Amino acid sequence: MMPLALANIGEENTIKKIGGSPEVKKHLENLGFVVGGSVTVITALGGNVIVNVKDARVAISEEMARKIMI
């Protein structure tokens, strides 16, 4: 298991765990990050990550990406 921030670009991964406070977990869940779901990193710019999750592109900070374990 490793944080999403360290994932290879273009590789599809399965979300195994989401950390952080209940508010952070709820926010990520609202964006489509749920345990068992798939996520693909499209690009990483200055620590921020753009991912494909549930057929939508979402940009998240490196801090958020470190809370999502794949």
N, C-alpha and C. Protein backbone atom coordinates (compact mmCIF):
# COMPACT_ATOMS: atom_id res chain seq x y z
N MET A 1 0.85 -1.18 0.00
CA MET A 1 0.00 0.00 0.00
C MET A 1 0.89 1.24 0.00
N MET A 2 0.53 2.22 -0.85
CA MET A 2 1.30 3.47 -0.91
C MET A 2 0.35 4.62 -1.19
N PRO A 3 0.76 5.86 -0.88
CA PRO A 3 -0.12 6.99 -1.14
C PRO A 3 -0.27 7.27 -2.63
N LEU A 4 -1.40 7.81 -3.00
CA LEU A 4 -1.69 8.13 -4.41
C LEU A 4 -0.65 9.10 -4.97
N ALA A 5 -0.09 9.94 -4.11
CA ALA A 5 0.91 10.92 -4.55
C ALA A 5 2.13 10.25 -5.18
N LEU A 6 2.38 8.97 -4.86
CA LEU A 6 3.55 8.26 -5.40
C LEU A 6 3.22 7.34 -6.57
N ALA A 7 1.97 7.35 -7.01
CA ALA A 7 1.54 6.45 -8.09
C ALA A 7 2.16 6.85 -9.43
N ASN A 8 2.34 5.86 -10.29
CA ASN A 8 2.86 6.11 -11.64
C ASN A 8 1.78 6.73 -12.51
N ILE A 9 2.18 7.66 -13.36
CA ILE A 9 1.24 8.33 -14.27
C ILE A 9 0.73 7.32 -15.30
N GLY A 10 -0.59 7.33 -15.50
CA GLY A 10 -1.22 6.46 -16.50
C GLY A 10 -1.56 5.07 -16.00
N GLU A 11 -1.19 4.76 -14.78
CA GLU A 11 -1.44 3.42 -14.23
C GLU A 11 -2.74 3.43 -13.42
N GLU A 12 -3.63 2.47 -13.71
CA GLU A 12 -4.89 2.39 -12.96
C GLU A 12 -4.65 1.68 -11.63
N ASN A 13 -5.14 2.28 -10.56
CA ASN A 13 -4.97 1.73 -9.22
C ASN A 13 -6.31 1.61 -8.52
N THR A 14 -6.37 0.74 -7.52
CA THR A 14 -7.58 0.57 -6.72
C THR A 14 -7.36 1.24 -5.37
N ILE A 15 -8.32 2.03 -4.94
CA ILE A 15 -8.23 2.71 -3.64
C ILE A 15 -8.45 1.68 -2.54
N LYS A 16 -7.50 1.60 -1.61
CA LYS A 16 -7.58 0.63 -0.53
C LYS A 16 -7.99 1.26 0.80
N LYS A 17 -7.62 2.53 1.00
CA LYS A 17 -7.91 3.18 2.27
C LYS A 17 -7.87 4.69 2.09
N ILE A 18 -8.71 5.40 2.84
CA ILE A 18 -8.69 6.85 2.82
C ILE A 18 -8.51 7.33 4.25
N GLY A 19 -7.46 8.11 4.46
CA GLY A 19 -7.16 8.61 5.80
C GLY A 19 -7.61 10.05 5.98
N GLY A 20 -7.28 10.60 7.14
CA GLY A 20 -7.62 11.98 7.43
C GLY A 20 -8.82 12.10 8.36
N SER A 21 -9.19 13.34 8.62
CA SER A 21 -10.32 13.62 9.52
C SER A 21 -11.63 13.22 8.83
N PRO A 22 -12.71 13.09 9.60
CA PRO A 22 -14.00 12.75 8.99
C PRO A 22 -14.41 13.74 7.90
N GLU A 23 -14.08 15.03 8.08
CA GLU A 23 -14.42 16.04 7.07
C GLU A 23 -13.66 15.79 5.78
N VAL A 24 -12.38 15.46 5.90
CA VAL A 24 -11.54 15.19 4.72
C VAL A 24 -12.05 13.95 4.00
N LYS A 25 -12.35 12.90 4.75
CA LYS A 25 -12.86 11.66 4.16
C LYS A 25 -14.15 11.93 3.39
N LYS A 26 -15.05 12.72 3.99
CA LYS A 26 -16.34 13.03 3.35
C LYS A 26 -16.11 13.84 2.08
N HIS A 27 -15.20 14.80 2.13
CA HIS A 27 -14.89 15.63 0.96
C HIS A 27 -14.37 14.77 -0.19
N LEU A 28 -13.42 13.87 0.12
CA LEU A 28 -12.85 13.00 -0.91
C LEU A 28 -13.92 12.05 -1.45
N GLU A 29 -14.79 11.56 -0.56
CA GLU A 29 -15.88 10.68 -0.99
C GLU A 29 -16.82 11.42 -1.95
N ASN A 30 -17.09 12.68 -1.67
CA ASN A 30 -17.95 13.48 -2.54
C ASN A 30 -17.31 13.71 -3.91
N LEU A 31 -15.98 13.70 -3.96
CA LEU A 31 -15.27 13.85 -5.23
C LEU A 31 -15.21 12.54 -6.01
N GLY A 32 -15.59 11.43 -5.35
CA GLY A 32 -15.60 10.13 -6.04
C GLY A 32 -14.54 9.16 -5.56
N PHE A 33 -13.76 9.55 -4.55
CA PHE A 33 -12.72 8.67 -4.02
C PHE A 33 -13.32 7.77 -2.96
N VAL A 34 -13.65 6.54 -3.33
CA VAL A 34 -14.23 5.58 -2.40
C VAL A 34 -13.38 4.31 -2.40
N VAL A 35 -13.32 3.65 -1.24
CA VAL A 35 -12.56 2.41 -1.12
C VAL A 35 -13.11 1.38 -2.10
N GLY A 36 -12.21 0.77 -2.86
CA GLY A 36 -12.61 -0.21 -3.86
C GLY A 36 -12.75 0.40 -5.25
N GLY A 37 -12.80 1.72 -5.32
CA GLY A 37 -12.92 2.40 -6.61
C GLY A 37 -11.58 2.47 -7.31
N SER A 38 -11.61 2.71 -8.61
CA SER A 38 -10.35 2.82 -9.36
C SER A 38 -10.02 4.28 -9.60
N VAL A 39 -8.72 4.56 -9.64
CA VAL A 39 -8.22 5.91 -9.84
C VAL A 39 -6.97 5.84 -10.71
N THR A 40 -6.85 6.75 -11.67
CA THR A 40 -5.70 6.80 -12.55
C THR A 40 -5.10 8.20 -12.49
N VAL A 41 -3.80 8.29 -12.23
CA VAL A 41 -3.12 9.58 -12.22
C VAL A 41 -2.88 10.00 -13.67
N ILE A 42 -3.36 11.18 -14.02
CA ILE A 42 -3.17 11.69 -15.38
C ILE A 42 -1.88 12.50 -15.46
N THR A 43 -1.69 13.40 -14.51
CA THR A 43 -0.47 14.20 -14.47
C THR A 43 -0.24 14.74 -13.07
N ALA A 44 1.00 15.10 -12.81
CA ALA A 44 1.36 15.70 -11.52
C ALA A 44 2.08 17.01 -11.81
N LEU A 45 1.57 18.10 -11.25
CA LEU A 45 2.14 19.42 -11.49
C LEU A 45 2.49 20.07 -10.16
N GLY A 46 3.76 20.27 -9.89
CA GLY A 46 4.20 20.93 -8.67
C GLY A 46 3.64 20.32 -7.40
N GLY A 47 3.54 19.00 -7.36
CA GLY A 47 3.02 18.33 -6.18
C GLY A 47 1.54 18.06 -6.26
N ASN A 48 0.80 18.91 -7.00
CA ASN A 48 -0.63 18.67 -7.17
C ASN A 48 -0.84 17.57 -8.20
N VAL A 49 -1.93 16.83 -8.06
CA VAL A 49 -2.17 15.66 -8.91
C VAL A 49 -3.52 15.80 -9.61
N ILE A 50 -3.53 15.50 -10.90
CA ILE A 50 -4.79 15.43 -11.64
C ILE A 50 -5.06 13.95 -11.88
N VAL A 51 -6.23 13.49 -11.44
CA VAL A 51 -6.57 12.08 -11.54
C VAL A 51 -7.88 11.89 -12.27
N ASN A 52 -8.06 10.69 -12.78
CA ASN A 52 -9.31 10.28 -13.41
C ASN A 52 -10.01 9.36 -12.41
N VAL A 53 -11.17 9.76 -11.92
CA VAL A 53 -11.90 8.95 -10.97
C VAL A 53 -13.38 9.01 -11.36
N LYS A 54 -13.99 7.84 -11.52
CA LYS A 54 -15.40 7.74 -11.92
C LYS A 54 -15.70 8.56 -13.17
N ASP A 55 -14.89 8.40 -14.21
CA ASP A 55 -15.06 9.08 -15.49
C ASP A 55 -15.03 10.61 -15.39
N ALA A 56 -14.37 11.14 -14.37
CA ALA A 56 -14.23 12.59 -14.22
C ALA A 56 -12.79 12.91 -13.87
N ARG A 57 -12.32 14.05 -14.34
CA ARG A 57 -10.97 14.49 -13.98
C ARG A 57 -11.08 15.38 -12.76
N VAL A 58 -10.25 15.08 -11.76
CA VAL A 58 -10.27 15.84 -10.51
C VAL A 58 -8.84 16.23 -10.16
N ALA A 59 -8.66 17.49 -9.77
CA ALA A 59 -7.35 17.96 -9.32
C ALA A 59 -7.36 18.00 -7.80
N ILE A 60 -6.36 17.38 -7.19
CA ILE A 60 -6.25 17.41 -5.73
C ILE A 60 -4.83 17.80 -5.34
N SER A 61 -4.69 18.34 -4.15
CA SER A 61 -3.36 18.75 -3.66
C SER A 61 -2.55 17.52 -3.28
N GLU A 62 -1.26 17.72 -3.17
CA GLU A 62 -0.38 16.61 -2.75
C GLU A 62 -0.78 16.12 -1.36
N GLU A 63 -1.17 17.06 -0.49
CA GLU A 63 -1.59 16.70 0.87
C GLU A 63 -2.77 15.74 0.83
N MET A 64 -3.76 16.02 -0.01
CA MET A 64 -4.93 15.13 -0.15
C MET A 64 -4.51 13.80 -0.77
N ALA A 65 -3.62 13.87 -1.78
CA ALA A 65 -3.19 12.65 -2.47
C ALA A 65 -2.45 11.72 -1.51
N ARG A 66 -1.83 12.27 -0.48
CA ARG A 66 -1.11 11.44 0.50
C ARG A 66 -2.07 10.75 1.46
N LYS A 67 -3.32 11.20 1.53
CA LYS A 67 -4.31 10.58 2.42
C LYS A 67 -5.02 9.41 1.74
N ILE A 68 -4.88 9.31 0.40
CA ILE A 68 -5.53 8.23 -0.36
C ILE A 68 -4.50 7.14 -0.59
N MET A 69 -4.75 5.96 -0.01
CA MET A 69 -3.81 4.84 -0.13
C MET A 69 -4.28 3.88 -1.22
N ILE A 70 -3.33 3.47 -2.04
CA ILE A 70 -3.65 2.55 -3.15
C ILE A 70 -2.83 1.28 -2.99
